Amino acid sequence: MSEIKHMPTAELEHALSHLQAAPSSEGRLEMIVRRPAEDGREQLDSGQLSVTDGLVGDNWIKGRANPDCQLTLMNSRAADLVAAGDRTRWELAGDQLYVDFDISDANLPAGTRVQIGAEAVVEVTAEPHTGCEKFISRFGLDAMKFVNSETGRSLNLRGINTKVITAGEIRVGDNLTKTA
């Protein structure tokens, strides 16, 4: 079994300009991950977003379901960076949608709506999304400090929480468009 690489701070900081270059008005859905059980992951080609359930089949609805944290989006460039370029490790971050899109506070403040594909609309919530011990064990302490630094927080490198406003089917490759 090969050793998992954790990115050092210098390499993470060196990639900031690449992260900041994510598209700001239209983006792309790069990966959908459903979490059927704790620590379980299923990559999907398509999924259904529900106003009551978030991503249908995801374990968010079980237990302490906070309606402002139905669905998490992570910038795919940030996921790729902390995963040291290994796309198969993105899902370990625990988010459901990985997007090539500028999810910074400046571009997507709380209350902003984003259409995904032809039907689904999500709204960014004010609930912060921060890493946990699992994030540290999977990507390293440097990655956790980087995504939670002042710059990392303003860019929302750890991701954002959203709630589903309009249900609909989503597919990998769908466009994301800021609507309000």
N, C-alpha and C. Protein backbone atom coordinates (compact mmCIF):
# COMPACT_ATOMS: atom_id res chain seq x y z
N MET A 1 0.86 -1.18 0.00
CA MET A 1 0.00 0.00 0.00
C MET A 1 0.90 1.24 0.00
N SER A 2 0.62 2.18 -0.88
CA SER A 2 1.46 3.38 -0.97
C SER A 2 1.10 4.36 0.14
N GLU A 3 2.07 5.17 0.51
CA GLU A 3 1.87 6.17 1.55
C GLU A 3 1.04 7.32 1.01
N ILE A 4 0.13 7.79 1.83
CA ILE A 4 -0.73 8.91 1.45
C ILE A 4 0.06 10.20 1.66
N LYS A 5 0.07 11.03 0.64
CA LYS A 5 0.80 12.29 0.72
C LYS A 5 -0.08 13.38 1.29
N HIS A 6 0.44 14.05 2.31
CA HIS A 6 -0.20 15.24 2.85
C HIS A 6 0.60 16.43 2.35
N MET A 7 -0.10 17.39 1.79
CA MET A 7 0.54 18.55 1.19
C MET A 7 1.09 19.49 2.27
N PRO A 8 2.35 19.92 2.14
CA PRO A 8 2.91 20.88 3.10
C PRO A 8 2.39 22.29 2.82
N THR A 9 2.44 23.13 3.84
CA THR A 9 1.90 24.49 3.75
C THR A 9 2.44 25.25 2.55
N ALA A 10 3.74 25.16 2.29
CA ALA A 10 4.34 25.92 1.19
C ALA A 10 3.70 25.55 -0.15
N GLU A 11 3.44 24.26 -0.38
CA GLU A 11 2.82 23.83 -1.64
C GLU A 11 1.35 24.26 -1.71
N LEU A 12 0.67 24.23 -0.57
CA LEU A 12 -0.72 24.68 -0.53
C LEU A 12 -0.80 26.16 -0.87
N GLU A 13 0.05 26.96 -0.24
CA GLU A 13 0.04 28.41 -0.47
C GLU A 13 0.46 28.75 -1.89
N HIS A 14 1.36 27.96 -2.46
CA HIS A 14 1.82 28.19 -3.83
C HIS A 14 0.68 28.07 -4.85
N ALA A 15 -0.34 27.29 -4.50
CA ALA A 15 -1.46 27.04 -5.42
C ALA A 15 -2.60 28.05 -5.29
N LEU A 16 -2.45 29.06 -4.44
CA LEU A 16 -3.54 30.01 -4.21
C LEU A 16 -4.05 30.66 -5.49
N SER A 17 -3.17 31.06 -6.37
CA SER A 17 -3.63 31.74 -7.60
C SER A 17 -4.49 30.81 -8.45
N HIS A 18 -4.17 29.53 -8.47
CA HIS A 18 -4.98 28.55 -9.21
C HIS A 18 -6.36 28.43 -8.57
N LEU A 19 -6.41 28.42 -7.25
CA LEU A 19 -7.69 28.32 -6.55
C LEU A 19 -8.54 29.57 -6.80
N GLN A 20 -7.90 30.72 -6.78
CA GLN A 20 -8.61 31.99 -6.97
C GLN A 20 -9.08 32.18 -8.41
N ALA A 21 -8.59 31.39 -9.34
CA ALA A 21 -8.97 31.52 -10.75
C ALA A 21 -10.22 30.71 -11.11
N ALA A 22 -10.87 30.12 -10.13
CA ALA A 22 -12.09 29.36 -10.41
C ALA A 22 -13.15 30.29 -11.01
N PRO A 23 -13.96 29.80 -11.93
CA PRO A 23 -14.97 30.66 -12.56
C PRO A 23 -15.97 31.20 -11.54
N SER A 24 -16.41 32.45 -11.75
CA SER A 24 -17.24 33.11 -10.75
C SER A 24 -18.72 33.25 -11.12
N SER A 25 -19.07 33.17 -12.39
CA SER A 25 -20.49 33.32 -12.72
C SER A 25 -21.10 32.00 -13.20
N GLU A 26 -20.32 31.21 -13.91
CA GLU A 26 -20.76 29.88 -14.34
C GLU A 26 -19.66 28.89 -14.05
N GLY A 27 -20.03 27.79 -13.41
CA GLY A 27 -19.06 26.75 -13.09
C GLY A 27 -19.55 25.41 -13.59
N ARG A 28 -18.92 24.36 -13.05
CA ARG A 28 -19.22 23.01 -13.52
C ARG A 28 -19.25 22.06 -12.32
N LEU A 29 -20.22 21.16 -12.30
CA LEU A 29 -20.30 20.11 -11.29
C LEU A 29 -19.34 19.00 -11.69
N GLU A 30 -18.30 18.79 -10.88
CA GLU A 30 -17.24 17.83 -11.20
C GLU A 30 -17.46 16.45 -10.58
N MET A 31 -18.10 16.40 -9.41
CA MET A 31 -18.29 15.12 -8.73
C MET A 31 -19.48 15.21 -7.78
N ILE A 32 -20.23 14.12 -7.74
CA ILE A 32 -21.34 13.96 -6.78
C ILE A 32 -20.99 12.77 -5.90
N VAL A 33 -21.06 12.98 -4.58
CA VAL A 33 -20.77 11.90 -3.64
C VAL A 33 -21.91 11.79 -2.64
N ARG A 34 -22.49 10.61 -2.59
CA ARG A 34 -23.52 10.33 -1.59
C ARG A 34 -22.87 9.57 -0.45
N ARG A 35 -23.28 9.91 0.76
CA ARG A 35 -22.78 9.25 1.96
C ARG A 35 -23.92 8.40 2.54
N PRO A 36 -24.03 7.12 2.15
CA PRO A 36 -25.16 6.31 2.59
C PRO A 36 -25.11 5.96 4.08
N ALA A 37 -23.91 5.99 4.66
CA ALA A 37 -23.71 5.70 6.09
C ALA A 37 -22.45 6.45 6.52
N GLU A 38 -22.25 6.57 7.83
CA GLU A 38 -21.07 7.25 8.32
C GLU A 38 -19.82 6.61 7.72
N ASP A 39 -18.96 7.45 7.16
CA ASP A 39 -17.72 7.05 6.49
C ASP A 39 -17.95 6.27 5.20
N GLY A 40 -19.19 6.09 4.78
CA GLY A 40 -19.49 5.46 3.50
C GLY A 40 -19.52 6.50 2.39
N ARG A 41 -19.08 6.15 1.20
CA ARG A 41 -19.05 7.07 0.06
C ARG A 41 -19.46 6.32 -1.21
N GLU A 42 -20.32 6.97 -1.99
CA GLU A 42 -20.70 6.46 -3.31
C GLU A 42 -20.61 7.59 -4.31
N GLN A 43 -19.74 7.46 -5.30
CA GLN A 43 -19.71 8.45 -6.37
C GLN A 43 -20.86 8.15 -7.33
N LEU A 44 -21.56 9.21 -7.69
CA LEU A 44 -22.71 9.09 -8.57
C LEU A 44 -22.49 9.86 -9.87
N ASP A 45 -23.05 9.37 -10.96
CA ASP A 45 -23.07 10.13 -12.20
C ASP A 45 -24.20 11.15 -12.17
N SER A 46 -25.28 10.82 -11.44
CA SER A 46 -26.41 11.73 -11.29
C SER A 46 -27.02 11.51 -9.92
N GLY A 47 -27.79 12.50 -9.48
CA GLY A 47 -28.46 12.40 -8.20
C GLY A 47 -29.69 13.27 -8.20
N GLN A 48 -30.53 13.08 -7.20
CA GLN A 48 -31.75 13.85 -7.07
C GLN A 48 -31.64 14.72 -5.83
N LEU A 49 -31.86 16.03 -6.00
CA LEU A 49 -31.90 16.94 -4.87
C LEU A 49 -33.35 17.13 -4.45
N SER A 50 -33.59 17.07 -3.14
CA SER A 50 -34.92 17.19 -2.57
C SER A 50 -34.92 18.31 -1.54
N VAL A 51 -36.00 19.07 -1.50
CA VAL A 51 -36.13 20.17 -0.55
C VAL A 51 -36.09 19.65 0.89
N THR A 52 -36.63 18.47 1.12
CA THR A 52 -36.67 17.92 2.48
C THR A 52 -35.47 17.03 2.82
N ASP A 53 -34.91 16.34 1.83
CA ASP A 53 -33.87 15.35 2.09
C ASP A 53 -32.47 15.75 1.65
N GLY A 54 -32.31 16.88 0.97
CA GLY A 54 -31.00 17.22 0.42
C GLY A 54 -30.71 16.30 -0.76
N LEU A 55 -29.54 15.67 -0.78
CA LEU A 55 -29.20 14.68 -1.81
C LEU A 55 -29.87 13.38 -1.40
N VAL A 56 -30.82 12.93 -2.19
CA VAL A 56 -31.60 11.73 -1.87
C VAL A 56 -30.64 10.54 -1.69
N GLY A 57 -30.82 9.85 -0.54
CA GLY A 57 -29.99 8.69 -0.23
C GLY A 57 -28.77 9.01 0.62
N ASP A 58 -28.54 10.30 0.87
CA ASP A 58 -27.40 10.72 1.69
C ASP A 58 -27.80 10.62 3.16
N ASN A 59 -26.84 10.34 4.03
CA ASN A 59 -27.16 10.17 5.45
C ASN A 59 -27.35 11.48 6.18
N TRP A 60 -27.28 12.63 5.50
CA TRP A 60 -27.50 13.92 6.16
C TRP A 60 -28.83 13.91 6.92
N ILE A 61 -29.84 13.33 6.34
CA ILE A 61 -31.18 13.37 6.89
C ILE A 61 -31.28 12.60 8.21
N LYS A 62 -30.35 11.69 8.47
CA LYS A 62 -30.38 10.90 9.70
C LYS A 62 -29.74 11.68 10.85
N GLY A 63 -30.25 11.51 12.03
CA GLY A 63 -29.61 12.10 13.20
C GLY A 63 -29.88 13.58 13.35
N ARG A 64 -28.80 14.39 13.44
CA ARG A 64 -28.91 15.82 13.76
C ARG A 64 -29.01 16.67 12.49
N ALA A 65 -29.91 16.41 11.64
CA ALA A 65 -30.03 17.11 10.37
C ALA A 65 -30.35 18.59 10.58
N ASN A 66 -29.41 19.46 10.22
CA ASN A 66 -29.60 20.91 10.28
C ASN A 66 -30.04 21.37 8.89
N PRO A 67 -31.21 21.99 8.77
CA PRO A 67 -31.69 22.38 7.44
C PRO A 67 -30.76 23.35 6.71
N ASP A 68 -29.92 24.06 7.44
CA ASP A 68 -28.97 24.98 6.79
C ASP A 68 -27.69 24.28 6.35
N CYS A 69 -27.61 22.98 6.59
CA CYS A 69 -26.43 22.20 6.20
C CYS A 69 -26.82 20.97 5.39
N GLN A 70 -27.89 21.09 4.60
CA GLN A 70 -28.38 19.96 3.81
C GLN A 70 -27.35 19.42 2.85
N LEU A 71 -26.64 20.32 2.22
CA LEU A 71 -25.77 19.96 1.10
C LEU A 71 -24.50 20.80 1.19
N THR A 72 -23.35 20.16 1.08
CA THR A 72 -22.11 20.93 1.11
C THR A 72 -21.45 20.89 -0.27
N LEU A 73 -20.92 22.05 -0.66
CA LEU A 73 -20.19 22.19 -1.91
C LEU A 73 -18.75 22.51 -1.57
N MET A 74 -17.83 21.85 -2.24
CA MET A 74 -16.41 22.15 -2.08
C MET A 74 -15.84 22.45 -3.45
N ASN A 75 -14.98 23.45 -3.50
CA ASN A 75 -14.30 23.79 -4.75
C ASN A 75 -13.44 22.60 -5.16
N SER A 76 -13.62 22.12 -6.36
CA SER A 76 -12.88 20.93 -6.82
C SER A 76 -11.38 21.19 -6.90
N ARG A 77 -10.99 22.42 -7.15
CA ARG A 77 -9.56 22.75 -7.19
C ARG A 77 -8.96 22.62 -5.79
N ALA A 78 -9.71 23.03 -4.77
CA ALA A 78 -9.23 22.90 -3.39
C ALA A 78 -9.20 21.42 -2.99
N ALA A 79 -10.23 20.67 -3.37
CA ALA A 79 -10.25 19.23 -3.07
C ALA A 79 -9.06 18.53 -3.71
N ASP A 80 -8.79 18.87 -4.96
CA ASP A 80 -7.67 18.25 -5.66
C ASP A 80 -6.34 18.62 -5.00
N LEU A 81 -6.23 19.85 -4.55
CA LEU A 81 -5.00 20.30 -3.90
C LEU A 81 -4.75 19.55 -2.60
N VAL A 82 -5.73 19.51 -1.69
CA VAL A 82 -5.49 18.83 -0.42
C VAL A 82 -5.36 17.33 -0.60
N ALA A 83 -5.93 16.78 -1.68
CA ALA A 83 -5.82 15.35 -1.97
C ALA A 83 -4.56 15.04 -2.77
N ALA A 84 -3.66 16.02 -2.89
CA ALA A 84 -2.37 15.85 -3.59
C ALA A 84 -2.55 15.34 -5.01
N GLY A 85 -3.61 15.85 -5.69
CA GLY A 85 -3.82 15.49 -7.08
C GLY A 85 -4.46 14.13 -7.30
N ASP A 86 -4.90 13.48 -6.24
CA ASP A 86 -5.51 12.15 -6.35
C ASP A 86 -7.03 12.30 -6.29
N ARG A 87 -7.66 12.34 -7.45
CA ARG A 87 -9.12 12.55 -7.55
C ARG A 87 -9.91 11.50 -6.77
N THR A 88 -9.37 10.31 -6.62
CA THR A 88 -10.08 9.26 -5.87
C THR A 88 -10.18 9.59 -4.39
N ARG A 89 -9.41 10.56 -3.92
CA ARG A 89 -9.43 10.94 -2.50
C ARG A 89 -10.32 12.15 -2.22
N TRP A 90 -10.83 12.81 -3.25
CA TRP A 90 -11.69 13.98 -3.03
C TRP A 90 -12.83 13.65 -2.08
N GLU A 91 -13.48 12.52 -2.32
CA GLU A 91 -14.67 12.15 -1.55
C GLU A 91 -14.41 12.03 -0.06
N LEU A 92 -13.16 11.85 0.33
CA LEU A 92 -12.82 11.74 1.74
C LEU A 92 -13.07 13.04 2.51
N ALA A 93 -13.18 14.16 1.80
CA ALA A 93 -13.47 15.43 2.46
C ALA A 93 -14.86 15.41 3.08
N GLY A 94 -15.75 14.55 2.57
CA GLY A 94 -17.07 14.39 3.16
C GLY A 94 -18.15 15.28 2.58
N ASP A 95 -17.83 16.02 1.54
CA ASP A 95 -18.82 16.88 0.90
C ASP A 95 -19.60 16.09 -0.15
N GLN A 96 -20.77 16.62 -0.54
CA GLN A 96 -21.57 15.92 -1.54
C GLN A 96 -21.28 16.40 -2.96
N LEU A 97 -21.04 17.69 -3.14
CA LEU A 97 -20.82 18.21 -4.48
C LEU A 97 -19.46 18.89 -4.57
N TYR A 98 -18.71 18.54 -5.60
CA TYR A 98 -17.39 19.13 -5.87
C TYR A 98 -17.53 19.91 -7.16
N VAL A 99 -17.26 21.22 -7.07
CA VAL A 99 -17.58 22.12 -8.16
C VAL A 99 -16.37 22.95 -8.57
N ASP A 100 -16.21 23.15 -9.87
CA ASP A 100 -15.21 24.10 -10.35
C ASP A 100 -15.93 25.43 -10.44
N PHE A 101 -15.92 26.15 -9.31
CA PHE A 101 -16.70 27.37 -9.15
C PHE A 101 -16.14 28.16 -7.99
N ASP A 102 -16.17 29.46 -8.09
CA ASP A 102 -15.71 30.34 -7.02
C ASP A 102 -16.78 30.38 -5.93
N ILE A 103 -16.51 29.71 -4.81
CA ILE A 103 -17.47 29.65 -3.71
C ILE A 103 -17.06 30.58 -2.57
N SER A 104 -16.24 31.56 -2.88
CA SER A 104 -15.77 32.51 -1.85
C SER A 104 -16.92 33.33 -1.30
N ASP A 105 -16.70 33.91 -0.11
CA ASP A 105 -17.69 34.81 0.49
C ASP A 105 -17.99 35.98 -0.44
N ALA A 106 -16.97 36.49 -1.11
CA ALA A 106 -17.17 37.64 -2.00
C ALA A 106 -18.08 37.29 -3.18
N ASN A 107 -17.97 36.06 -3.69
CA ASN A 107 -18.76 35.66 -4.86
C ASN A 107 -20.11 35.05 -4.48
N LEU A 108 -20.13 34.27 -3.40
CA LEU A 108 -21.36 33.58 -2.99
C LEU A 108 -21.65 33.84 -1.51
N PRO A 109 -22.02 35.06 -1.16
CA PRO A 109 -22.37 35.31 0.25
C PRO A 109 -23.65 34.56 0.62
N ALA A 110 -23.89 34.39 1.92
CA ALA A 110 -25.12 33.74 2.39
C ALA A 110 -26.32 34.40 1.72
N GLY A 111 -27.25 33.57 1.29
CA GLY A 111 -28.45 34.05 0.61
C GLY A 111 -28.37 33.96 -0.89
N THR A 112 -27.17 33.78 -1.43
CA THR A 112 -27.00 33.65 -2.88
C THR A 112 -27.57 32.31 -3.34
N ARG A 113 -28.24 32.33 -4.46
CA ARG A 113 -28.78 31.09 -5.03
C ARG A 113 -27.97 30.68 -6.25
N VAL A 114 -27.82 29.37 -6.38
CA VAL A 114 -27.06 28.78 -7.47
C VAL A 114 -27.91 27.69 -8.11
N GLN A 115 -28.09 27.80 -9.43
CA GLN A 115 -28.80 26.76 -10.17
C GLN A 115 -27.79 25.71 -10.59
N ILE A 116 -28.17 24.45 -10.42
CA ILE A 116 -27.33 23.32 -10.83
C ILE A 116 -28.10 22.54 -11.87
N GLY A 117 -27.58 22.49 -13.08
CA GLY A 117 -28.29 21.81 -14.15
C GLY A 117 -29.52 22.59 -14.57
N ALA A 118 -30.51 21.87 -15.08
CA ALA A 118 -31.71 22.53 -15.64
C ALA A 118 -32.75 22.90 -14.58
N GLU A 119 -32.74 22.23 -13.41
CA GLU A 119 -33.84 22.40 -12.47
C GLU A 119 -33.44 22.83 -11.07
N ALA A 120 -32.46 22.18 -10.50
CA ALA A 120 -32.17 22.32 -9.08
C ALA A 120 -31.59 23.70 -8.74
N VAL A 121 -32.01 24.23 -7.59
CA VAL A 121 -31.48 25.49 -7.08
C VAL A 121 -31.17 25.29 -5.60
N VAL A 122 -29.97 25.72 -5.20
CA VAL A 122 -29.57 25.70 -3.81
C VAL A 122 -29.27 27.12 -3.36
N GLU A 123 -29.37 27.34 -2.05
CA GLU A 123 -29.09 28.65 -1.48
C GLU A 123 -27.97 28.51 -0.46
N VAL A 124 -26.97 29.38 -0.56
CA VAL A 124 -25.85 29.39 0.38
C VAL A 124 -26.38 29.85 1.73
N THR A 125 -26.01 29.15 2.80
CA THR A 125 -26.42 29.53 4.14
C THR A 125 -25.24 30.13 4.90
N ALA A 126 -25.54 30.77 6.01
CA ALA A 126 -24.51 31.43 6.81
C ALA A 126 -23.77 30.45 7.71
N GLU A 127 -24.26 29.23 7.82
CA GLU A 127 -23.63 28.22 8.68
C GLU A 127 -22.21 27.91 8.18
N PRO A 128 -21.18 28.16 9.00
CA PRO A 128 -19.81 27.92 8.52
C PRO A 128 -19.54 26.42 8.34
N HIS A 129 -18.65 26.13 7.41
CA HIS A 129 -18.24 24.74 7.15
C HIS A 129 -16.74 24.67 7.43
N THR A 130 -16.40 23.96 8.46
CA THR A 130 -14.99 23.84 8.85
C THR A 130 -14.60 22.37 8.89
N GLY A 131 -13.34 22.11 8.89
CA GLY A 131 -12.85 20.74 8.94
C GLY A 131 -12.96 20.16 10.34
N CYS A 132 -12.71 18.87 10.43
CA CYS A 132 -12.78 18.17 11.70
C CYS A 132 -11.56 17.26 11.82
N GLU A 133 -11.53 16.46 12.86
CA GLU A 133 -10.42 15.53 13.07
C GLU A 133 -10.26 14.58 11.88
N LYS A 134 -11.37 14.17 11.28
CA LYS A 134 -11.30 13.28 10.12
C LYS A 134 -10.58 13.97 8.97
N PHE A 135 -10.85 15.26 8.77
CA PHE A 135 -10.19 16.01 7.69
C PHE A 135 -8.68 16.03 7.94
N ILE A 136 -8.28 16.24 9.19
CA ILE A 136 -6.85 16.25 9.53
C ILE A 136 -6.23 14.89 9.24
N SER A 137 -6.89 13.81 9.66
CA SER A 137 -6.31 12.48 9.46
C SER A 137 -6.21 12.12 7.98
N ARG A 138 -7.12 12.64 7.17
CA ARG A 138 -7.14 12.30 5.75
C ARG A 138 -6.24 13.19 4.90
N PHE A 139 -6.10 14.47 5.30
CA PHE A 139 -5.37 15.43 4.46
C PHE A 139 -4.22 16.13 5.18
N GLY A 140 -4.12 15.97 6.49
CA GLY A 140 -3.00 16.54 7.24
C GLY A 140 -3.34 17.84 7.94
N LEU A 141 -2.57 18.12 8.98
CA LEU A 141 -2.77 19.33 9.77
C LEU A 141 -2.51 20.59 8.95
N ASP A 142 -1.49 20.56 8.07
CA ASP A 142 -1.22 21.73 7.23
C ASP A 142 -2.43 22.08 6.36
N ALA A 143 -3.09 21.07 5.81
CA ALA A 143 -4.27 21.31 4.98
C ALA A 143 -5.40 21.93 5.82
N MET A 144 -5.59 21.42 7.03
CA MET A 144 -6.64 21.97 7.91
C MET A 144 -6.33 23.43 8.24
N LYS A 145 -5.10 23.72 8.58
CA LYS A 145 -4.73 25.11 8.91
C LYS A 145 -4.89 26.00 7.68
N PHE A 146 -4.54 25.49 6.51
CA PHE A 146 -4.64 26.25 5.27
C PHE A 146 -6.09 26.60 4.95
N VAL A 147 -7.00 25.62 4.98
CA VAL A 147 -8.39 25.90 4.62
C VAL A 147 -9.08 26.76 5.67
N ASN A 148 -8.59 26.74 6.91
CA ASN A 148 -9.19 27.54 7.97
C ASN A 148 -8.41 28.81 8.28
N SER A 149 -7.40 29.13 7.46
CA SER A 149 -6.67 30.39 7.62
C SER A 149 -7.60 31.54 7.22
N GLU A 150 -7.18 32.75 7.45
CA GLU A 150 -8.00 33.90 7.06
C GLU A 150 -8.31 33.87 5.57
N THR A 151 -7.29 33.61 4.76
CA THR A 151 -7.49 33.53 3.30
C THR A 151 -8.36 32.33 2.95
N GLY A 152 -8.07 31.19 3.55
CA GLY A 152 -8.84 29.97 3.29
C GLY A 152 -10.32 30.14 3.63
N ARG A 153 -10.60 30.82 4.74
CA ARG A 153 -12.00 31.05 5.14
C ARG A 153 -12.69 32.01 4.17
N SER A 154 -11.98 33.06 3.74
CA SER A 154 -12.63 34.01 2.81
C SER A 154 -12.92 33.36 1.46
N LEU A 155 -12.08 32.41 1.07
CA LEU A 155 -12.31 31.69 -0.19
C LEU A 155 -13.21 30.46 0.01
N ASN A 156 -13.54 30.17 1.25
CA ASN A 156 -14.32 28.97 1.60
C ASN A 156 -13.69 27.70 1.04
N LEU A 157 -12.38 27.57 1.26
CA LEU A 157 -11.67 26.41 0.72
C LEU A 157 -12.13 25.09 1.34
N ARG A 158 -12.68 25.14 2.53
CA ARG A 158 -13.20 23.91 3.14
C ARG A 158 -14.59 23.59 2.60
N GLY A 159 -15.22 24.57 1.97
CA GLY A 159 -16.54 24.35 1.38
C GLY A 159 -17.58 25.27 1.98
N ILE A 160 -18.79 25.12 1.48
CA ILE A 160 -19.92 25.92 1.96
C ILE A 160 -21.12 25.02 2.21
N ASN A 161 -21.96 25.47 3.13
CA ASN A 161 -23.23 24.80 3.40
C ASN A 161 -24.32 25.46 2.57
N THR A 162 -25.23 24.64 2.08
CA THR A 162 -26.36 25.14 1.31
C THR A 162 -27.62 24.36 1.70
N LYS A 163 -28.76 24.92 1.29
CA LYS A 163 -30.02 24.20 1.42
C LYS A 163 -30.69 24.19 0.06
N VAL A 164 -31.45 23.14 -0.20
CA VAL A 164 -32.12 22.98 -1.49
C VAL A 164 -33.38 23.84 -1.49
N ILE A 165 -33.49 24.70 -2.50
CA ILE A 165 -34.66 25.57 -2.68
C ILE A 165 -35.61 24.98 -3.71
N THR A 166 -35.06 24.47 -4.80
CA THR A 166 -35.86 23.85 -5.86
C THR A 166 -35.28 22.47 -6.14
N ALA A 167 -36.11 21.46 -6.00
CA ALA A 167 -35.67 20.08 -6.24
C ALA A 167 -35.38 19.86 -7.71
N GLY A 168 -34.57 18.84 -7.98
CA GLY A 168 -34.30 18.49 -9.36
C GLY A 168 -33.16 17.50 -9.48
N GLU A 169 -33.03 16.96 -10.67
CA GLU A 169 -31.95 16.02 -10.95
C GLU A 169 -30.69 16.80 -11.30
N ILE A 170 -29.56 16.31 -10.81
CA ILE A 170 -28.26 16.89 -11.15
C ILE A 170 -27.38 15.80 -11.73
N ARG A 171 -26.44 16.21 -12.59
CA ARG A 171 -25.52 15.26 -13.23
C ARG A 171 -24.12 15.84 -13.24
N VAL A 172 -23.14 14.95 -13.11
CA VAL A 172 -21.75 15.38 -13.28
C VAL A 172 -21.64 16.03 -14.65
N GLY A 173 -21.01 17.19 -14.69
CA GLY A 173 -20.88 17.95 -15.93
C GLY A 173 -21.89 19.08 -16.05
N ASP A 174 -22.91 19.09 -15.18
CA ASP A 174 -23.90 20.16 -15.21
C ASP A 174 -23.25 21.52 -14.94
N ASN A 175 -23.84 22.55 -15.54
CA ASN A 175 -23.41 23.92 -15.25
C ASN A 175 -23.97 24.37 -13.92
N LEU A 176 -23.21 25.24 -13.25
CA LEU A 176 -23.67 25.94 -12.06
C LEU A 176 -23.73 27.39 -12.45
N THR A 177 -24.84 28.04 -12.11
CA THR A 177 -25.02 29.45 -12.46
C THR A 177 -25.55 30.19 -11.26
N LYS A 178 -24.90 31.32 -10.95
CA LYS A 178 -25.38 32.19 -9.89
C LYS A 178 -26.66 32.84 -10.38
N THR A 179 -27.76 32.71 -9.60
CA THR A 179 -29.03 33.26 -10.04
C THR A 179 -29.46 34.48 -9.23
N ALA A 180 -29.00 34.60 -8.01
CA ALA A 180 -29.37 35.75 -7.16
C ALA A 180 -28.38 35.91 -6.05
